[in-house]
Amino acid sequence: MSNNDKVLILHGWGGSDTPHWQAELAAAVAKNYGTVSFPLLDNCHFPSKNRWIKQLKEILEAFKPDTVVCHSLANTLWFWLCEEEDFMQEISKVKRLFMVSPPSLTTDVDTIKTFFPCKMPPKLYAKEIKMIISDNDPYIEIAEAQIIASRYDIPLNIIENAGHINADSGYGKWPLIEKLVLDRS
């Protein structure tokens, strides 16, 4: 990561405050003199797809990130944003997209029902994309993650027994994601 890279970290349902790896990543980017935005999306415990899309568009226009790091529901949010024709030029400026623990495109949880079902957009717009999942994530099966990864021809990194790759499954400080986001060599 060069010092002028801008990193946008997008949390999922319920947020990703300390001790979540996304909070640790935000601190690591800042400690390395990177520019980071780690916004709390509107009403994160009872999210609305339309409100989150509106807020994300405002954040992207103002912050203009080079790298976007999505966890969980933020990946679904990114999929929906990629369908917004008036915004494709804005998101096409993103150089790197990290998709961590995307949920199934047919997730059936009442609290987040406005996001689902979700189809795969024609493209994800970032120039470089990495997807990381766990082999025992309760929100997505490996087979569906492989379909998503192959659709966009992106590498899929599968971690053993990492649950939903969140604080509840022991992912506070996470050296792998810090190395991937911070290392630009």
N, C-alpha and C. Protein backbone atom coordinates (compact mmCIF):
# COMPACT_ATOMS: atom_id res chain seq x y z
N MET A 1 0.85 -1.18 0.00
CA MET A 1 0.00 0.00 0.00
C MET A 1 0.89 1.23 0.00
N SER A 2 0.63 2.13 -0.90
CA SER A 2 1.37 3.39 -0.87
C SER A 2 0.67 4.32 0.12
N ASN A 3 1.39 5.31 0.59
CA ASN A 3 0.82 6.21 1.59
C ASN A 3 -0.39 6.98 1.10
N ASN A 4 -0.54 7.08 -0.22
CA ASN A 4 -1.69 7.83 -0.72
C ASN A 4 -2.87 6.94 -1.08
N ASP A 5 -2.76 5.63 -0.85
CA ASP A 5 -3.91 4.74 -1.05
C ASP A 5 -4.98 5.03 -0.02
N LYS A 6 -6.23 4.98 -0.47
CA LYS A 6 -7.36 5.18 0.44
C LYS A 6 -8.09 3.85 0.59
N VAL A 7 -8.26 3.42 1.83
CA VAL A 7 -8.88 2.14 2.13
C VAL A 7 -10.25 2.38 2.78
N LEU A 8 -11.28 1.84 2.16
CA LEU A 8 -12.64 1.90 2.71
C LEU A 8 -12.97 0.52 3.27
N ILE A 9 -13.35 0.47 4.54
CA ILE A 9 -13.69 -0.79 5.20
C ILE A 9 -15.19 -0.77 5.48
N LEU A 10 -15.88 -1.76 4.94
CA LEU A 10 -17.34 -1.83 5.06
C LEU A 10 -17.75 -3.04 5.88
N HIS A 11 -18.45 -2.79 6.96
CA HIS A 11 -18.88 -3.86 7.86
C HIS A 11 -20.18 -4.50 7.38
N GLY A 12 -20.50 -5.60 8.01
CA GLY A 12 -21.76 -6.29 7.72
C GLY A 12 -22.82 -5.97 8.76
N TRP A 13 -23.79 -6.84 8.84
CA TRP A 13 -24.91 -6.72 9.74
C TRP A 13 -24.41 -6.66 11.19
N GLY A 14 -24.77 -5.60 11.90
CA GLY A 14 -24.38 -5.45 13.30
C GLY A 14 -23.09 -4.69 13.52
N GLY A 15 -22.37 -4.36 12.45
CA GLY A 15 -21.13 -3.60 12.60
C GLY A 15 -19.92 -4.50 12.85
N SER A 16 -18.76 -3.89 12.96
CA SER A 16 -17.50 -4.62 13.15
C SER A 16 -16.57 -3.87 14.09
N ASP A 17 -17.13 -3.36 15.19
CA ASP A 17 -16.28 -2.60 16.12
C ASP A 17 -15.34 -3.54 16.88
N THR A 18 -14.42 -2.97 17.63
CA THR A 18 -13.44 -3.75 18.38
C THR A 18 -14.16 -4.81 19.20
N PRO A 19 -13.69 -6.05 19.21
CA PRO A 19 -12.40 -6.56 18.75
C PRO A 19 -12.39 -7.17 17.35
N HIS A 20 -13.33 -6.82 16.48
CA HIS A 20 -13.42 -7.39 15.13
C HIS A 20 -12.18 -7.05 14.31
N TRP A 21 -11.78 -7.95 13.41
CA TRP A 21 -10.60 -7.73 12.57
C TRP A 21 -10.71 -6.47 11.73
N GLN A 22 -11.93 -6.04 11.36
CA GLN A 22 -12.04 -4.83 10.56
C GLN A 22 -11.60 -3.60 11.36
N ALA A 23 -11.93 -3.56 12.65
CA ALA A 23 -11.48 -2.45 13.50
C ALA A 23 -9.96 -2.48 13.63
N GLU A 24 -9.40 -3.68 13.78
CA GLU A 24 -7.94 -3.84 13.86
C GLU A 24 -7.28 -3.41 12.55
N LEU A 25 -7.90 -3.76 11.42
CA LEU A 25 -7.37 -3.38 10.11
C LEU A 25 -7.38 -1.87 9.94
N ALA A 26 -8.47 -1.22 10.36
CA ALA A 26 -8.55 0.24 10.26
C ALA A 26 -7.40 0.88 11.04
N ALA A 27 -7.14 0.36 12.23
CA ALA A 27 -6.04 0.89 13.04
C ALA A 27 -4.69 0.63 12.37
N ALA A 28 -4.52 -0.56 11.79
CA ALA A 28 -3.25 -0.89 11.12
C ALA A 28 -2.99 0.01 9.92
N VAL A 29 -4.04 0.29 9.15
CA VAL A 29 -3.88 1.19 7.99
C VAL A 29 -3.45 2.57 8.48
N ALA A 30 -4.13 3.08 9.51
CA ALA A 30 -3.80 4.40 10.05
C ALA A 30 -2.39 4.43 10.62
N LYS A 31 -1.99 3.35 11.31
CA LYS A 31 -0.64 3.29 11.90
C LYS A 31 0.44 3.31 10.82
N ASN A 32 0.09 2.85 9.61
CA ASN A 32 1.03 2.85 8.50
C ASN A 32 0.86 4.08 7.61
N TYR A 33 0.25 5.12 8.16
CA TYR A 33 0.04 6.40 7.48
C TYR A 33 -0.82 6.27 6.23
N GLY A 34 -1.67 5.26 6.21
CA GLY A 34 -2.62 5.14 5.12
C GLY A 34 -3.85 5.97 5.45
N THR A 35 -4.66 6.23 4.46
CA THR A 35 -5.90 6.95 4.68
C THR A 35 -7.02 5.92 4.72
N VAL A 36 -7.77 5.92 5.81
CA VAL A 36 -8.79 4.90 6.00
C VAL A 36 -10.14 5.54 6.34
N SER A 37 -11.19 4.92 5.82
CA SER A 37 -12.55 5.28 6.20
C SER A 37 -13.22 3.99 6.67
N PHE A 38 -13.74 4.02 7.88
CA PHE A 38 -14.40 2.86 8.48
C PHE A 38 -15.73 3.33 9.06
N PRO A 39 -16.67 3.65 8.16
CA PRO A 39 -17.93 4.26 8.60
C PRO A 39 -18.87 3.25 9.25
N LEU A 40 -19.66 3.75 10.16
CA LEU A 40 -20.76 2.96 10.72
C LEU A 40 -21.96 3.18 9.81
N LEU A 41 -22.38 2.12 9.14
CA LEU A 41 -23.53 2.25 8.24
C LEU A 41 -24.82 2.37 9.05
N ASP A 42 -25.77 3.05 8.46
CA ASP A 42 -27.02 3.43 9.12
C ASP A 42 -27.76 2.24 9.72
N ASN A 43 -28.10 2.37 11.00
CA ASN A 43 -28.94 1.39 11.69
C ASN A 43 -28.42 -0.03 11.46
N CYS A 44 -27.16 -0.27 11.79
CA CYS A 44 -26.47 -1.51 11.39
C CYS A 44 -27.10 -2.79 11.94
N HIS A 45 -27.85 -2.70 13.02
CA HIS A 45 -28.47 -3.91 13.57
C HIS A 45 -29.79 -4.25 12.88
N PHE A 46 -30.38 -3.27 12.20
CA PHE A 46 -31.62 -3.47 11.44
C PHE A 46 -31.46 -2.75 10.10
N PRO A 47 -30.54 -3.24 9.26
CA PRO A 47 -30.19 -2.50 8.04
C PRO A 47 -31.26 -2.55 6.96
N SER A 48 -31.27 -1.48 6.16
CA SER A 48 -32.13 -1.39 4.99
C SER A 48 -31.23 -1.27 3.77
N LYS A 49 -31.46 -2.13 2.79
CA LYS A 49 -30.63 -2.11 1.57
C LYS A 49 -30.64 -0.72 0.93
N ASN A 50 -31.81 -0.11 0.78
CA ASN A 50 -31.87 1.18 0.10
C ASN A 50 -31.12 2.27 0.87
N ARG A 51 -31.25 2.29 2.19
CA ARG A 51 -30.52 3.29 2.98
C ARG A 51 -29.02 3.06 2.91
N TRP A 52 -28.60 1.78 2.97
CA TRP A 52 -27.17 1.49 2.90
C TRP A 52 -26.60 1.86 1.53
N ILE A 53 -27.33 1.58 0.46
CA ILE A 53 -26.85 1.95 -0.88
C ILE A 53 -26.70 3.47 -0.98
N LYS A 54 -27.69 4.20 -0.52
CA LYS A 54 -27.63 5.67 -0.55
C LYS A 54 -26.42 6.17 0.24
N GLN A 55 -26.22 5.63 1.43
CA GLN A 55 -25.09 6.05 2.27
C GLN A 55 -23.75 5.67 1.62
N LEU A 56 -23.68 4.47 1.05
CA LEU A 56 -22.43 4.04 0.42
C LEU A 56 -22.10 4.91 -0.79
N LYS A 57 -23.09 5.29 -1.57
CA LYS A 57 -22.84 6.18 -2.71
C LYS A 57 -22.24 7.51 -2.23
N GLU A 58 -22.79 8.06 -1.16
CA GLU A 58 -22.26 9.32 -0.61
C GLU A 58 -20.82 9.14 -0.13
N ILE A 59 -20.54 8.03 0.54
CA ILE A 59 -19.19 7.76 1.04
C ILE A 59 -18.21 7.62 -0.13
N LEU A 60 -18.59 6.87 -1.15
CA LEU A 60 -17.71 6.66 -2.30
C LEU A 60 -17.43 7.96 -3.04
N GLU A 61 -18.45 8.78 -3.20
CA GLU A 61 -18.26 10.07 -3.89
C GLU A 61 -17.32 10.98 -3.12
N ALA A 62 -17.45 10.98 -1.80
CA ALA A 62 -16.63 11.87 -0.98
C ALA A 62 -15.22 11.32 -0.76
N PHE A 63 -15.10 10.02 -0.52
CA PHE A 63 -13.82 9.43 -0.12
C PHE A 63 -12.98 8.92 -1.29
N LYS A 64 -13.62 8.43 -2.33
CA LYS A 64 -12.94 7.91 -3.53
C LYS A 64 -11.84 6.89 -3.18
N PRO A 65 -12.24 5.73 -2.64
CA PRO A 65 -11.24 4.74 -2.21
C PRO A 65 -10.54 4.04 -3.36
N ASP A 66 -9.30 3.61 -3.08
CA ASP A 66 -8.56 2.76 -4.00
C ASP A 66 -8.83 1.30 -3.68
N THR A 67 -9.02 1.01 -2.38
CA THR A 67 -9.23 -0.34 -1.89
C THR A 67 -10.51 -0.37 -1.07
N VAL A 68 -11.32 -1.41 -1.28
CA VAL A 68 -12.54 -1.61 -0.49
C VAL A 68 -12.46 -3.00 0.13
N VAL A 69 -12.70 -3.05 1.44
CA VAL A 69 -12.65 -4.31 2.18
C VAL A 69 -14.05 -4.57 2.75
N CYS A 70 -14.72 -5.57 2.22
CA CYS A 70 -16.09 -5.90 2.64
C CYS A 70 -16.11 -7.14 3.51
N HIS A 71 -16.93 -7.10 4.55
CA HIS A 71 -17.18 -8.29 5.35
C HIS A 71 -18.68 -8.58 5.34
N SER A 72 -19.01 -9.84 5.14
CA SER A 72 -20.37 -10.33 5.28
C SER A 72 -21.37 -9.56 4.42
N LEU A 73 -22.37 -8.94 5.04
CA LEU A 73 -23.44 -8.26 4.31
C LEU A 73 -22.92 -7.13 3.42
N ALA A 74 -21.75 -6.58 3.73
CA ALA A 74 -21.17 -5.53 2.88
C ALA A 74 -20.88 -6.06 1.48
N ASN A 75 -20.59 -7.35 1.35
CA ASN A 75 -20.39 -7.94 0.02
C ASN A 75 -21.69 -7.91 -0.78
N THR A 76 -22.79 -8.24 -0.13
CA THR A 76 -24.09 -8.19 -0.78
C THR A 76 -24.41 -6.75 -1.18
N LEU A 77 -24.09 -5.82 -0.30
CA LEU A 77 -24.27 -4.40 -0.59
C LEU A 77 -23.49 -4.02 -1.84
N TRP A 78 -22.24 -4.49 -1.94
CA TRP A 78 -21.41 -4.20 -3.12
C TRP A 78 -22.07 -4.78 -4.37
N PHE A 79 -22.61 -6.00 -4.29
CA PHE A 79 -23.29 -6.60 -5.44
C PHE A 79 -24.44 -5.71 -5.90
N TRP A 80 -25.23 -5.21 -4.96
CA TRP A 80 -26.35 -4.34 -5.31
C TRP A 80 -25.84 -3.03 -5.92
N LEU A 81 -24.78 -2.48 -5.38
CA LEU A 81 -24.23 -1.23 -5.90
C LEU A 81 -23.77 -1.41 -7.35
N CYS A 82 -23.23 -2.58 -7.67
CA CYS A 82 -22.76 -2.87 -9.03
C CYS A 82 -23.90 -2.90 -10.04
N GLU A 83 -25.13 -2.93 -9.57
CA GLU A 83 -26.31 -2.90 -10.45
C GLU A 83 -26.81 -1.47 -10.68
N GLU A 84 -26.23 -0.51 -9.98
CA GLU A 84 -26.67 0.89 -10.07
C GLU A 84 -25.99 1.55 -11.29
N GLU A 85 -26.69 1.60 -12.40
CA GLU A 85 -26.09 2.08 -13.65
C GLU A 85 -25.51 3.48 -13.54
N ASP A 86 -26.15 4.34 -12.77
CA ASP A 86 -25.67 5.72 -12.65
C ASP A 86 -24.39 5.82 -11.82
N PHE A 87 -23.95 4.71 -11.25
CA PHE A 87 -22.80 4.78 -10.34
C PHE A 87 -21.63 3.92 -10.79
N MET A 88 -21.75 3.26 -11.92
CA MET A 88 -20.70 2.33 -12.37
C MET A 88 -19.37 3.03 -12.63
N GLN A 89 -19.41 4.24 -13.14
CA GLN A 89 -18.17 4.95 -13.41
C GLN A 89 -17.43 5.26 -12.10
N GLU A 90 -18.17 5.59 -11.06
CA GLU A 90 -17.58 5.90 -9.76
C GLU A 90 -16.90 4.68 -9.15
N ILE A 91 -17.60 3.52 -9.17
CA ILE A 91 -17.00 2.33 -8.55
C ILE A 91 -15.92 1.69 -9.41
N SER A 92 -15.90 2.02 -10.69
CA SER A 92 -14.86 1.43 -11.56
C SER A 92 -13.48 1.99 -11.24
N LYS A 93 -13.40 3.01 -10.38
CA LYS A 93 -12.11 3.58 -9.98
C LYS A 93 -11.46 2.77 -8.86
N VAL A 94 -12.19 1.82 -8.28
CA VAL A 94 -11.65 1.00 -7.19
C VAL A 94 -10.61 0.03 -7.77
N LYS A 95 -9.42 0.05 -7.18
CA LYS A 95 -8.34 -0.82 -7.67
C LYS A 95 -8.45 -2.23 -7.09
N ARG A 96 -8.72 -2.31 -5.77
CA ARG A 96 -8.74 -3.62 -5.11
C ARG A 96 -10.01 -3.79 -4.27
N LEU A 97 -10.59 -4.98 -4.37
CA LEU A 97 -11.77 -5.33 -3.59
C LEU A 97 -11.48 -6.62 -2.85
N PHE A 98 -11.66 -6.59 -1.54
CA PHE A 98 -11.52 -7.80 -0.72
C PHE A 98 -12.91 -8.19 -0.24
N MET A 99 -13.30 -9.40 -0.59
CA MET A 99 -14.61 -9.93 -0.21
C MET A 99 -14.38 -11.01 0.84
N VAL A 100 -14.73 -10.69 2.09
CA VAL A 100 -14.52 -11.65 3.18
C VAL A 100 -15.89 -12.12 3.68
N SER A 101 -16.06 -13.42 3.71
CA SER A 101 -17.28 -14.05 4.24
C SER A 101 -18.58 -13.53 3.63
N PRO A 102 -18.67 -13.51 2.30
CA PRO A 102 -19.96 -13.09 1.73
C PRO A 102 -21.03 -14.11 2.10
N PRO A 103 -22.23 -13.65 2.43
CA PRO A 103 -23.29 -14.61 2.73
C PRO A 103 -23.88 -15.17 1.44
N SER A 104 -24.64 -16.24 1.58
CA SER A 104 -25.34 -16.83 0.44
C SER A 104 -26.22 -15.76 -0.21
N LEU A 105 -26.35 -15.86 -1.52
CA LEU A 105 -27.18 -14.91 -2.26
C LEU A 105 -28.67 -15.14 -1.99
N THR A 106 -28.98 -16.23 -1.31
CA THR A 106 -30.38 -16.53 -0.97
C THR A 106 -30.57 -16.56 0.54
N THR A 107 -29.77 -15.83 1.28
CA THR A 107 -29.88 -15.80 2.74
C THR A 107 -31.32 -15.48 3.15
N ASP A 108 -31.79 -16.22 4.13
CA ASP A 108 -33.18 -16.07 4.57
C ASP A 108 -33.21 -15.72 6.06
N VAL A 109 -32.82 -14.48 6.36
CA VAL A 109 -32.86 -13.98 7.73
C VAL A 109 -33.77 -12.75 7.71
N ASP A 110 -34.81 -12.77 8.51
CA ASP A 110 -35.83 -11.73 8.45
C ASP A 110 -35.28 -10.31 8.61
N THR A 111 -34.33 -10.11 9.53
CA THR A 111 -33.81 -8.77 9.82
C THR A 111 -33.10 -8.13 8.62
N ILE A 112 -32.53 -8.96 7.74
CA ILE A 112 -31.79 -8.42 6.60
C ILE A 112 -32.46 -8.78 5.27
N LYS A 113 -33.76 -9.02 5.30
CA LYS A 113 -34.48 -9.53 4.12
C LYS A 113 -34.50 -8.57 2.94
N THR A 114 -34.28 -7.26 3.17
CA THR A 114 -34.30 -6.33 2.03
C THR A 114 -33.12 -6.55 1.08
N PHE A 115 -32.09 -7.25 1.54
CA PHE A 115 -30.89 -7.49 0.72
C PHE A 115 -31.01 -8.76 -0.14
N PHE A 116 -32.01 -9.60 0.14
CA PHE A 116 -32.08 -10.92 -0.49
C PHE A 116 -33.47 -11.20 -1.05
N PRO A 117 -33.51 -12.08 -2.09
CA PRO A 117 -32.37 -12.69 -2.75
C PRO A 117 -31.60 -11.65 -3.56
N CYS A 118 -30.36 -11.96 -3.82
CA CYS A 118 -29.47 -11.06 -4.56
C CYS A 118 -28.87 -11.82 -5.72
N LYS A 119 -28.87 -11.21 -6.90
CA LYS A 119 -28.23 -11.88 -8.04
C LYS A 119 -26.80 -11.37 -8.18
N MET A 120 -26.01 -12.14 -8.90
CA MET A 120 -24.64 -11.72 -9.17
C MET A 120 -24.68 -10.66 -10.28
N PRO A 121 -24.08 -9.49 -10.03
CA PRO A 121 -24.07 -8.47 -11.08
C PRO A 121 -23.15 -8.89 -12.23
N PRO A 122 -23.30 -8.28 -13.40
CA PRO A 122 -22.44 -8.65 -14.54
C PRO A 122 -20.95 -8.52 -14.23
N LYS A 123 -20.57 -7.49 -13.45
CA LYS A 123 -19.16 -7.35 -13.07
C LYS A 123 -19.06 -6.68 -11.71
N LEU A 124 -17.89 -6.82 -11.08
CA LEU A 124 -17.67 -6.25 -9.74
C LEU A 124 -16.83 -4.98 -9.78
N TYR A 125 -16.35 -4.63 -10.95
CA TYR A 125 -15.69 -3.36 -11.26
C TYR A 125 -14.27 -3.18 -10.73
N ALA A 126 -13.91 -3.72 -9.60
CA ALA A 126 -12.54 -3.54 -9.11
C ALA A 126 -11.56 -4.25 -10.03
N LYS A 127 -10.36 -3.71 -10.13
CA LYS A 127 -9.35 -4.28 -11.02
C LYS A 127 -8.77 -5.58 -10.46
N GLU A 128 -8.63 -5.66 -9.13
CA GLU A 128 -8.09 -6.85 -8.47
C GLU A 128 -9.06 -7.23 -7.35
N ILE A 129 -9.47 -8.50 -7.35
CA ILE A 129 -10.45 -8.95 -6.36
C ILE A 129 -9.95 -10.22 -5.69
N LYS A 130 -10.10 -10.27 -4.38
CA LYS A 130 -9.77 -11.47 -3.62
C LYS A 130 -10.97 -11.82 -2.75
N MET A 131 -11.26 -13.12 -2.67
CA MET A 131 -12.38 -13.58 -1.86
C MET A 131 -11.85 -14.58 -0.83
N ILE A 132 -12.25 -14.37 0.43
CA ILE A 132 -11.81 -15.23 1.52
C ILE A 132 -13.04 -15.73 2.27
N ILE A 133 -13.12 -17.06 2.41
CA ILE A 133 -14.23 -17.64 3.16
C ILE A 133 -13.68 -18.69 4.12
N SER A 134 -14.56 -19.18 4.96
CA SER A 134 -14.24 -20.27 5.87
C SER A 134 -14.96 -21.53 5.41
N ASP A 135 -14.36 -22.68 5.68
CA ASP A 135 -15.01 -23.93 5.28
C ASP A 135 -16.20 -24.29 6.17
N ASN A 136 -16.40 -23.54 7.26
CA ASN A 136 -17.55 -23.82 8.12
C ASN A 136 -18.35 -22.55 8.44
N ASP A 137 -18.42 -21.65 7.45
CA ASP A 137 -19.20 -20.42 7.62
C ASP A 137 -20.69 -20.79 7.63
N PRO A 138 -21.42 -20.38 8.67
CA PRO A 138 -22.84 -20.74 8.72
C PRO A 138 -23.70 -20.01 7.68
N TYR A 139 -23.15 -18.99 7.01
CA TYR A 139 -23.95 -18.20 6.08
C TYR A 139 -23.72 -18.52 4.60
N ILE A 140 -22.72 -19.37 4.29
CA ILE A 140 -22.51 -19.73 2.88
C ILE A 140 -21.82 -21.09 2.81
N GLU A 141 -22.21 -21.88 1.83
CA GLU A 141 -21.56 -23.16 1.57
C GLU A 141 -20.38 -22.93 0.62
N ILE A 142 -19.36 -23.75 0.74
CA ILE A 142 -18.17 -23.64 -0.12
C ILE A 142 -18.58 -23.70 -1.60
N ALA A 143 -19.50 -24.57 -1.93
CA ALA A 143 -19.91 -24.72 -3.34
C ALA A 143 -20.45 -23.41 -3.92
N GLU A 144 -21.26 -22.69 -3.15
CA GLU A 144 -21.79 -21.41 -3.65
C GLU A 144 -20.67 -20.38 -3.76
N ALA A 145 -19.76 -20.35 -2.79
CA ALA A 145 -18.63 -19.42 -2.87
C ALA A 145 -17.77 -19.72 -4.10
N GLN A 146 -17.59 -21.00 -4.42
CA GLN A 146 -16.82 -21.37 -5.61
C GLN A 146 -17.52 -20.91 -6.89
N ILE A 147 -18.84 -20.98 -6.91
CA ILE A 147 -19.60 -20.51 -8.08
C ILE A 147 -19.40 -19.01 -8.25
N ILE A 148 -19.49 -18.26 -7.16
CA ILE A 148 -19.30 -16.80 -7.22
C ILE A 148 -17.89 -16.48 -7.69
N ALA A 149 -16.89 -17.13 -7.09
CA ALA A 149 -15.49 -16.87 -7.46
C ALA A 149 -15.23 -17.22 -8.93
N SER A 150 -15.76 -18.33 -9.39
CA SER A 150 -15.51 -18.72 -10.78
C SER A 150 -16.24 -17.79 -11.75
N ARG A 151 -17.41 -17.29 -11.36
CA ARG A 151 -18.16 -16.37 -12.22
C ARG A 151 -17.33 -15.13 -12.54
N TYR A 152 -16.56 -14.66 -11.55
CA TYR A 152 -15.75 -13.45 -11.74
C TYR A 152 -14.28 -13.77 -11.96
N ASP A 153 -13.96 -15.05 -12.05
CA ASP A 153 -12.58 -15.49 -12.27
C ASP A 153 -11.63 -14.87 -11.23
N ILE A 154 -12.00 -15.02 -9.96
CA ILE A 154 -11.18 -14.48 -8.88
C ILE A 154 -10.71 -15.60 -7.97
N PRO A 155 -9.54 -15.44 -7.36
CA PRO A 155 -9.05 -16.48 -6.45
C PRO A 155 -9.92 -16.58 -5.20
N LEU A 156 -10.11 -17.81 -4.74
CA LEU A 156 -10.88 -18.08 -3.53
C LEU A 156 -9.95 -18.69 -2.49
N ASN A 157 -9.79 -17.99 -1.39
CA ASN A 157 -8.95 -18.46 -0.30
C ASN A 157 -9.89 -19.04 0.76
N ILE A 158 -9.75 -20.34 1.04
CA ILE A 158 -10.62 -21.00 2.02
C ILE A 158 -9.81 -21.28 3.29
N ILE A 159 -10.29 -20.75 4.41
CA ILE A 159 -9.64 -20.94 5.70
C ILE A 159 -10.40 -22.01 6.48
N GLU A 160 -9.67 -22.91 7.12
CA GLU A 160 -10.30 -23.99 7.88
C GLU A 160 -10.84 -23.50 9.22
N ASN A 161 -12.04 -23.94 9.54
CA ASN A 161 -12.67 -23.73 10.85
C ASN A 161 -12.63 -22.29 11.34
N ALA A 162 -12.91 -21.34 10.47
CA ALA A 162 -12.87 -19.92 10.84
C ALA A 162 -14.27 -19.33 11.04
N GLY A 163 -15.30 -20.17 10.99
CA GLY A 163 -16.66 -19.67 11.19
C GLY A 163 -16.99 -18.57 10.19
N HIS A 164 -17.56 -17.49 10.70
CA HIS A 164 -17.93 -16.37 9.83
C HIS A 164 -16.80 -15.33 9.73
N ILE A 165 -15.61 -15.72 10.13
CA ILE A 165 -14.42 -14.86 10.12
C ILE A 165 -14.76 -13.51 10.76
N ASN A 166 -15.16 -13.59 12.01
CA ASN A 166 -15.51 -12.39 12.77
C ASN A 166 -14.97 -12.51 14.20
N ALA A 167 -15.27 -11.55 15.02
CA ALA A 167 -14.77 -11.56 16.39
C ALA A 167 -15.27 -12.78 17.15
N ASP A 168 -16.50 -13.21 16.89
CA ASP A 168 -17.05 -14.38 17.59
C ASP A 168 -16.28 -15.66 17.27
N SER A 169 -15.65 -15.71 16.09
CA SER A 169 -14.86 -16.90 15.74
C SER A 169 -13.36 -16.65 15.93
N GLY A 170 -13.03 -15.64 16.73
CA GLY A 170 -11.63 -15.41 17.10
C GLY A 170 -10.83 -14.53 16.16
N TYR A 171 -11.50 -13.82 15.27
CA TYR A 171 -10.79 -12.97 14.32
C TYR A 171 -10.82 -11.51 14.75
N GLY A 172 -9.91 -11.21 15.68
CA GLY A 172 -9.64 -9.84 16.07
C GLY A 172 -8.47 -9.41 15.21
N LYS A 173 -7.28 -9.36 15.78
CA LYS A 173 -6.07 -9.09 14.99
C LYS A 173 -5.92 -10.23 13.98
N TRP A 174 -5.88 -9.89 12.69
CA TRP A 174 -5.81 -10.91 11.63
C TRP A 174 -4.66 -10.56 10.69
N PRO A 175 -3.48 -11.12 10.95
CA PRO A 175 -2.29 -10.78 10.15
C PRO A 175 -2.46 -10.98 8.64
N LEU A 176 -3.20 -12.00 8.21
CA LEU A 176 -3.36 -12.25 6.77
C LEU A 176 -4.00 -11.06 6.06
N ILE A 177 -5.13 -10.58 6.57
CA ILE A 177 -5.82 -9.48 5.88
C ILE A 177 -4.97 -8.18 5.96
N GLU A 178 -4.29 -7.99 7.07
CA GLU A 178 -3.43 -6.81 7.17
C GLU A 178 -2.32 -6.87 6.13
N LYS A 179 -1.72 -8.04 5.98
CA LYS A 179 -0.65 -8.19 4.99
C LYS A 179 -1.19 -7.95 3.58
N LEU A 180 -2.33 -8.55 3.27
CA LEU A 180 -2.91 -8.39 1.94
C LEU A 180 -3.25 -6.93 1.62
N VAL A 181 -3.83 -6.23 2.59
CA VAL A 181 -4.25 -4.84 2.34
C VAL A 181 -3.06 -3.90 2.35
N LEU A 182 -2.12 -4.12 3.28
CA LEU A 182 -1.01 -3.18 3.42
C LEU A 182 0.13 -3.42 2.44
N ASP A 183 0.30 -4.65 1.99
CA ASP A 183 1.44 -5.00 1.12
C ASP A 183 1.10 -4.72 -0.34
N ARG A 184 1.78 -3.78 -0.92
CA ARG A 184 1.53 -3.43 -2.32
C ARG A 184 2.65 -3.89 -3.24
N SER A 185 3.56 -4.72 -2.72
CA SER A 185 4.69 -5.15 -3.57
C SER A 185 4.27 -6.21 -4.56
